[in-house]
Amino acid sequence: MIVKSNANEYLLIGKKGELYNKGRSTFSFLFPGINATIVPATEQKTSFSLTQESEDGISLGFKGIVIYHIEYPEVTALKFDFNSKNGIFDLNDMINEICYCEIRDKVSHMTMNRCIHERKTTLSQSLKDKLQEISYRSEINKGWGIQIDIVQISQVYIVEEEIKKQLESELRNQLKINCEISDIETKSQLKKVIFDLDIKEKDEFLQNEKKEIEFLQQKLKIQKQKTDYYFDESLLKLKLEQRLDIEKTKLLNEKQKLLLEHEKILLKDKIVNEKLIKEYNLIKNENNMIFKRSKFEIKKQKLEIKQKTVLYKSLGTLFNNATLTNLDKNIGFDLITQHLLSNFNNVVLDNKL
């Protein structure tokens, strides 16, 4: 008798109390005293489903799958009967029982939220570790001769509809609250961005104002040099710097009053500028008056000199063209008059001469 195995089957031969794996796609002659067993080599899948209460007393349903393959068929055949075609079913039942026990033990120490959120991590990994521990093959422990490929808890659900609806309602409310919180945070961030932009704009404005003030200081300095007007520039500069420091402090500490403070600064600057303009106009008018007065005095002095020259010339003609310039330097006009009176027997001269 000849026994054959396909490409997806192992051919096992039992002889003298030992099992030998002939491999796949092979055949063997069955002599007297020799038995043959066919073990599937393809991947096998089994699914499980159970209900278990969590640590917080909520009944949860669990569904999952286990995918494995037989790696050591000679070990597996010793533990499960494949001749009756129930070997795979028995193996799947044993795997399912292990899954039931392990899940019940883990879930009883976990809350509902943990079971739902950690189904693909904690629960699935714990289940896989347990199955690999049982199926592990070593010199001491022969195991089941299988290799676990995939263990996955695909679904965790709430069994009681009333609790499910309540939790779904709470979840919707929580999502709504989270949405509202997110909207509030978004609006808050938007306001912060707008406020930061406004602060930046105000800061740039203050910088420009500072530059303009510096320009006005320079202009006032030039005007001071032209008009010889004394103005305590260092004091003005100190006041302006202190004002800028005050405005910056108010900008940081009283953000909502920034616009009002800025308007106050503009008003104060306007008053200062108007005051300076008025003072400048007063100084200019005073300078014009001084200039006119000086011009008048010079003109008056010129007229007096001219009158004296005409007088001296007339006197020179009277005294036979005598020059009286040196006489003017040595004696005054009164002495000349006295001399003339003595020579002309106290004759009164006309004042116009």
Protein backbone atom coordinates (compact mmCIF):
# COMPACT_ATOMS: atom_id res chain seq x y z
CA MET A 1 0.00 0.00 0.00
CA ILE A 2 1.30 3.47 -0.93
CA VAL A 3 0.52 6.63 1.06
CA LYS A 4 1.05 10.04 -0.55
CA SER A 5 1.04 13.64 0.80
CA ASN A 6 0.28 16.78 -1.12
CA ALA A 7 2.29 20.01 -1.14
CA ASN A 8 0.25 21.36 1.76
CA GLU A 9 0.48 18.24 3.90
CA TYR A 10 3.05 16.44 5.99
CA LEU A 11 3.46 12.68 5.72
CA LEU A 12 4.23 11.06 9.09
CA ILE A 13 5.33 7.43 9.38
CA GLY A 14 5.01 5.54 12.65
CA LYS A 15 7.47 2.71 13.13
CA LYS A 16 8.68 0.93 16.23
CA GLY A 17 7.10 3.48 18.56
CA GLU A 18 8.58 6.52 16.82
CA LEU A 19 7.15 9.05 14.38
CA TYR A 20 9.16 10.21 11.38
CA ASN A 21 8.37 13.23 9.22
CA LYS A 22 8.77 12.35 5.55
CA GLY A 23 7.95 15.93 4.49
CA ARG A 24 5.62 17.35 1.84
CA SER A 25 4.72 16.08 -1.61
CA THR A 26 6.15 12.63 -0.91
CA PHE A 27 5.02 9.03 -0.62
CA SER A 28 5.84 5.94 1.38
CA PHE A 29 5.11 2.21 1.28
CA LEU A 30 3.13 0.89 4.20
CA PHE A 31 4.73 -2.38 5.17
CA PRO A 32 3.30 -4.46 7.99
CA GLY A 33 3.77 -2.72 11.38
CA ILE A 34 4.01 0.74 9.81
CA ASN A 35 1.33 3.41 10.24
CA ALA A 36 0.86 6.69 8.32
CA THR A 37 -0.67 10.03 9.37
CA ILE A 38 -1.39 13.08 7.23
CA VAL A 39 -0.99 16.44 9.02
CA PRO A 40 -1.97 19.71 7.30
CA ALA A 41 0.90 22.13 6.61
CA THR A 42 -1.19 25.16 5.68
CA GLU A 43 -1.94 28.08 8.00
CA GLN A 44 -4.91 27.49 10.24
CA LYS A 45 -7.35 30.02 11.62
CA THR A 46 -9.62 29.83 14.59
CA SER A 47 -11.94 32.48 15.97
CA PHE A 48 -13.27 32.96 19.47
CA SER A 49 -16.06 34.95 21.08
CA LEU A 50 -16.89 35.44 24.76
CA THR A 51 -18.47 37.79 27.30
CA GLN A 52 -16.72 39.00 30.45
CA GLU A 53 -17.32 41.70 33.03
CA SER A 54 -14.63 44.35 33.37
CA GLU A 55 -13.20 45.62 36.63
CA ASP A 56 -15.85 48.37 36.78
CA GLY A 57 -18.71 45.83 36.37
CA ILE A 58 -19.61 46.38 32.69
CA SER A 59 -20.32 43.31 30.54
CA LEU A 60 -18.10 43.36 27.47
CA GLY A 61 -18.11 41.13 24.44
CA PHE A 62 -14.84 40.05 22.81
CA LYS A 63 -14.20 38.66 19.35
CA GLY A 64 -10.85 37.69 17.95
CA ILE A 65 -8.83 35.36 15.74
CA VAL A 66 -5.71 33.22 16.05
CA ILE A 67 -3.67 32.28 12.98
CA TYR A 68 -1.03 29.57 13.33
CA HIS A 69 0.72 26.79 11.44
CA ILE A 70 2.05 23.38 12.40
CA GLU A 71 5.83 23.59 12.50
CA TYR A 72 6.66 20.23 14.11
CA PRO A 73 4.00 17.82 12.87
CA GLU A 74 5.55 14.83 14.66
CA VAL A 75 4.96 16.62 18.01
CA THR A 76 1.46 17.81 17.10
CA ALA A 77 0.41 14.34 15.93
CA LEU A 78 1.32 12.90 19.32
CA LYS A 79 -1.15 15.26 21.08
CA PHE A 80 -4.03 15.40 18.57
CA ASP A 81 -5.67 12.70 16.49
CA PHE A 82 -5.44 13.57 12.79
CA ASN A 83 -6.50 10.14 11.55
CA SER A 84 -10.10 10.78 12.58
CA LYS A 85 -10.05 14.20 10.88
CA ASN A 86 -10.83 15.87 14.21
CA GLY A 87 -7.25 16.85 14.97
CA ILE A 88 -7.56 20.45 13.71
CA PHE A 89 -10.94 20.91 15.41
CA ASP A 90 -9.58 19.64 18.71
CA LEU A 91 -6.52 21.86 18.37
CA ASN A 92 -8.71 24.91 17.65
CA ASP A 93 -10.90 24.10 20.65
CA MET A 94 -7.87 23.94 22.91
CA ILE A 95 -6.57 27.26 21.57
CA ASN A 96 -10.00 28.86 22.11
CA GLU A 97 -10.13 27.60 25.69
CA ILE A 98 -6.75 29.13 26.41
CA CYS A 99 -7.96 32.41 24.88
CA TYR A 100 -11.09 32.34 27.07
CA CYS A 101 -9.12 31.78 30.27
CA GLU A 102 -6.48 34.40 29.50
CA ILE A 103 -8.99 37.08 28.44
CA ARG A 104 -11.21 36.49 31.47
CA ASP A 105 -8.21 36.81 33.77
CA LYS A 106 -6.93 40.03 32.15
CA VAL A 107 -10.31 41.73 31.67
CA SER A 108 -11.34 41.18 35.28
CA HIS A 109 -8.44 43.44 36.30
CA MET A 110 -9.01 46.12 33.64
CA THR A 111 -11.58 48.88 33.29
CA MET A 112 -13.90 49.15 30.31
CA ASN A 113 -11.95 52.04 28.80
CA ARG A 114 -8.68 50.13 29.05
CA CYS A 115 -10.22 47.06 27.45
CA ILE A 116 -11.48 49.11 24.52
CA HIS A 117 -8.37 51.21 24.00
CA GLU A 118 -5.82 48.44 24.69
CA ARG A 119 -7.45 45.58 22.80
CA LYS A 120 -4.77 45.63 20.09
CA THR A 121 -1.90 46.18 22.49
CA THR A 122 -2.17 44.85 26.02
CA LEU A 123 -4.87 42.19 25.51
CA SER A 124 -3.69 40.89 22.13
CA GLN A 125 -0.03 40.78 23.21
CA SER A 126 -0.87 39.03 26.48
CA LEU A 127 -2.90 36.44 24.60
CA LYS A 128 -0.13 35.84 22.06
CA ASP A 129 2.49 35.47 24.82
CA LYS A 130 0.32 32.88 26.59
CA LEU A 131 -0.24 30.84 23.41
CA GLN A 132 3.46 30.93 22.51
CA GLU A 133 4.32 29.83 26.02
CA ILE A 134 2.08 26.78 25.67
CA SER A 135 3.09 25.93 22.12
CA TYR A 136 6.82 26.56 22.63
CA ARG A 137 8.96 23.57 21.83
CA SER A 138 12.13 22.80 23.77
CA GLU A 139 14.08 19.79 24.91
CA ILE A 140 12.09 19.67 28.14
CA ASN A 141 8.75 20.94 26.93
CA LYS A 142 7.72 19.53 23.56
CA GLY A 143 4.79 21.90 23.38
CA TRP A 144 2.13 21.41 20.71
CA GLY A 145 4.46 21.68 17.75
CA ILE A 146 2.73 24.80 16.39
CA GLN A 147 3.91 28.34 15.69
CA ILE A 148 1.61 31.28 16.52
CA ASP A 149 1.62 33.83 13.68
CA ILE A 150 -1.15 36.30 14.50
CA VAL A 151 -3.28 36.88 17.60
CA GLN A 152 -5.73 39.72 17.31
CA ILE A 153 -8.75 40.81 19.35
CA SER A 154 -10.74 42.34 16.54
CA GLN A 155 -13.72 43.68 18.45
CA VAL A 156 -14.68 44.78 21.96
CA TYR A 157 -18.28 45.86 22.47
CA ILE A 158 -20.72 46.57 25.29
CA VAL A 159 -23.27 43.81 25.70
CA GLU A 160 -26.09 45.67 27.48
CA GLU A 161 -27.87 48.06 25.12
CA GLU A 162 -28.95 50.43 27.87
CA ILE A 163 -25.41 50.93 29.13
CA LYS A 164 -24.20 51.16 25.55
CA LYS A 165 -26.67 53.95 24.76
CA GLN A 166 -25.77 55.75 27.98
CA LEU A 167 -22.05 55.53 27.23
CA GLU A 168 -22.62 56.60 23.64
CA SER A 169 -24.59 59.60 24.90
CA GLU A 170 -21.81 60.46 27.35
CA LEU A 171 -19.28 60.04 24.57
CA ARG A 172 -21.24 62.34 22.27
CA ASN A 173 -21.53 64.90 25.06
CA GLN A 174 -17.83 64.60 25.74
CA LEU A 175 -17.05 65.00 22.04
CA LYS A 176 -19.30 68.04 21.93
CA ILE A 177 -17.57 69.50 24.99
CA ASN A 178 -14.17 68.75 23.46
CA CYS A 179 -15.31 70.42 20.24
CA GLU A 180 -16.44 73.50 22.14
CA ILE A 181 -13.20 73.56 24.12
CA SER A 182 -11.28 73.25 20.86
CA ASP A 183 -13.27 76.15 19.39
CA ILE A 184 -12.59 78.23 22.49
CA GLU A 185 -8.88 77.40 22.33
CA THR A 186 -8.83 78.23 18.62
CA LYS A 187 -10.53 81.56 19.24
CA SER A 188 -8.18 82.23 22.14
CA GLN A 189 -5.16 81.48 19.99
CA LEU A 190 -6.59 83.67 17.22
CA LYS A 191 -7.10 86.52 19.67
CA LYS A 192 -3.57 86.01 20.95
CA VAL A 193 -2.19 86.17 17.40
CA ILE A 194 -4.22 89.33 16.69
CA PHE A 195 -3.10 90.85 19.97
CA ASP A 196 0.54 89.99 19.27
CA LEU A 197 0.23 91.59 15.84
CA ASP A 198 -1.36 94.66 17.43
CA ILE A 199 1.42 94.81 20.02
CA LYS A 200 3.99 94.53 17.24
CA GLU A 201 2.27 97.27 15.28
CA LYS A 202 2.08 99.52 18.33
CA ASP A 203 5.71 98.85 19.11
CA GLU A 204 6.68 99.79 15.55
CA PHE A 205 4.55 102.90 15.89
CA LEU A 206 6.35 103.83 19.11
CA GLN A 207 9.68 103.24 17.43
CA ASN A 208 8.67 105.56 14.61
CA GLU A 209 7.50 108.10 17.15
CA LYS A 210 10.83 107.83 18.89
CA LYS A 211 12.67 108.42 15.61
CA GLU A 212 10.44 111.40 14.88
CA ILE A 213 11.10 112.80 18.34
CA GLU A 214 14.83 112.36 17.80
CA PHE A 215 14.48 114.18 14.49
CA LEU A 216 12.61 117.03 16.22
CA GLN A 217 15.33 117.16 18.84
CA GLN A 218 17.95 117.56 16.16
CA LYS A 219 15.86 120.21 14.45
CA LEU A 220 15.44 122.11 17.72
CA LYS A 221 19.16 121.92 18.28
CA ILE A 222 19.82 123.48 14.89
CA GLN A 223 17.24 126.19 15.54
CA LYS A 224 18.83 126.84 18.89
CA GLN A 225 22.23 127.33 17.26
CA LYS A 226 20.74 129.76 14.69
CA THR A 227 18.71 131.87 17.13
CA ASP A 228 21.14 131.55 20.06
CA TYR A 229 18.22 130.37 22.14
CA TYR A 230 19.09 128.48 25.25
CA PHE A 231 17.12 125.37 25.82
CA ASP A 232 18.02 122.54 28.12
CA GLU A 233 18.30 119.78 25.55
CA SER A 234 19.54 117.15 27.97
CA LEU A 235 16.52 117.67 30.19
CA LEU A 236 14.16 117.42 27.23
CA LYS A 237 15.85 114.26 26.02
CA LEU A 238 15.64 112.73 29.52
CA LYS A 239 11.94 113.58 29.73
CA LEU A 240 11.28 112.07 26.33
CA GLU A 241 13.16 108.87 27.20
CA GLN A 242 11.29 108.61 30.49
CA ARG A 243 8.03 109.10 28.63
CA LEU A 244 8.94 106.33 26.21
CA ASP A 245 9.84 104.00 29.10
CA ILE A 246 6.54 104.77 30.78
CA GLU A 247 4.64 104.07 27.58
CA LYS A 248 6.44 100.74 27.10
CA THR A 249 5.65 99.73 30.68
CA LYS A 250 2.02 100.64 30.21
CA LEU A 251 2.02 98.71 26.96
CA LEU A 252 3.11 95.53 28.78
CA ASN A 253 1.06 95.91 31.94
CA GLU A 254 -2.13 97.56 30.62
CA LYS A 255 -2.67 96.03 27.21
CA GLN A 256 -6.28 97.02 26.93
CA LYS A 257 -5.48 100.72 27.64
CA LEU A 258 -2.78 100.94 24.97
CA LEU A 259 -4.82 102.97 22.49
CA LEU A 260 -5.89 105.49 25.14
CA GLU A 261 -2.33 105.96 26.36
CA HIS A 262 -1.13 106.40 22.80
CA GLU A 263 -3.68 109.15 22.21
CA LYS A 264 -2.50 110.87 25.38
CA ILE A 265 1.07 110.78 24.10
CA LEU A 266 0.02 112.30 20.79
CA LEU A 267 -1.89 115.06 22.61
CA LYS A 268 1.06 115.84 24.86
CA ASP A 269 3.45 115.91 21.92
CA LYS A 270 1.10 118.26 20.08
CA ILE A 271 0.98 120.62 23.06
CA VAL A 272 4.80 120.54 23.38
CA ASN A 273 5.20 121.21 19.66
CA GLU A 274 2.71 124.10 19.76
CA LYS A 275 4.47 125.55 22.77
CA LEU A 276 7.85 125.31 21.05
CA ILE A 277 6.44 126.91 17.91
CA LYS A 278 5.01 129.80 19.98
CA GLU A 279 8.30 130.27 21.79
CA TYR A 280 10.16 130.16 18.50
CA ASN A 281 7.84 132.84 17.03
CA LEU A 282 8.32 135.05 20.11
CA ILE A 283 12.09 134.72 19.83
CA LYS A 284 11.93 135.48 16.13
CA ASN A 285 9.82 138.61 16.77
CA GLU A 286 12.23 139.76 19.49
CA ASN A 287 15.17 139.26 17.16
CA ASN A 288 13.40 141.27 14.45
CA MET A 289 12.77 144.12 16.94
CA ILE A 290 16.40 144.03 18.07
CA PHE A 291 17.54 144.10 14.46
CA LYS A 292 15.29 147.09 13.63
CA ARG A 293 16.37 148.94 16.79
CA SER A 294 20.04 148.33 15.99
CA LYS A 295 19.49 149.55 12.43
CA PHE A 296 17.76 152.68 13.74
CA GLU A 297 20.61 153.40 16.20
CA ILE A 298 23.21 153.00 13.46
CA LYS A 299 21.24 155.32 11.21
CA LYS A 300 20.95 157.85 14.02
CA GLN A 301 24.70 157.71 14.70
CA LYS A 302 25.41 158.17 11.00
CA LEU A 303 23.14 161.24 10.93
CA GLU A 304 24.87 162.75 13.93
CA ILE A 305 28.27 162.17 12.34
CA LYS A 306 27.05 163.72 9.12
CA GLN A 307 25.71 166.75 10.99
CA LYS A 308 28.99 167.16 12.81
CA THR A 309 30.89 166.94 9.52
CA VAL A 310 28.73 169.65 7.96
CA LEU A 311 29.20 171.77 11.07
CA TYR A 312 32.94 171.33 11.03
CA LYS A 313 33.06 172.20 7.37
CA SER A 314 31.03 175.35 7.93
CA LEU A 315 33.25 176.39 10.81
CA GLY A 316 36.32 175.75 8.70
CA THR A 317 34.97 178.02 6.03
CA LEU A 318 34.17 180.62 8.62
CA PHE A 319 37.70 180.52 10.00
CA ASN A 320 39.39 180.74 6.65
CA ASN A 321 39.10 177.01 5.79
CA ALA A 322 40.73 175.94 9.02
CA THR A 323 40.59 172.26 9.76
CA LEU A 324 38.75 171.44 12.97
CA THR A 325 39.14 167.72 13.01
CA ASN A 326 41.97 167.69 15.52
CA LEU A 327 40.12 170.24 17.57
CA ASP A 328 37.14 167.85 17.69
CA LYS A 329 39.36 165.14 19.02
CA ASN A 330 40.90 167.31 21.73
CA ILE A 331 38.00 169.48 22.83
CA GLY A 332 34.27 169.04 22.71
CA PHE A 333 31.58 170.86 20.84
CA ASP A 334 30.88 173.05 23.89
CA LEU A 335 34.51 174.29 24.04
CA ILE A 336 34.31 175.31 20.37
CA THR A 337 31.17 177.25 21.10
CA GLN A 338 32.78 179.07 24.04
CA HIS A 339 35.81 179.93 21.91
CA LEU A 340 33.60 181.36 19.18
CA LEU A 341 31.64 183.45 21.66
CA SER A 342 34.79 184.94 23.14
CA ASN A 343 36.16 185.87 19.71
CA PHE A 344 32.92 187.47 18.48
CA ASN A 345 32.24 189.51 21.60
CA ASN A 346 29.64 187.07 22.98
CA VAL A 347 27.69 186.89 19.72
CA VAL A 348 25.02 184.16 19.93
CA LEU A 349 25.34 181.55 17.21
CA ASP A 350 22.38 179.90 15.65
CA ASN A 351 21.75 176.45 17.20
CA LYS A 352 21.19 174.97 13.81
CA LEU A 353 24.82 175.77 12.86
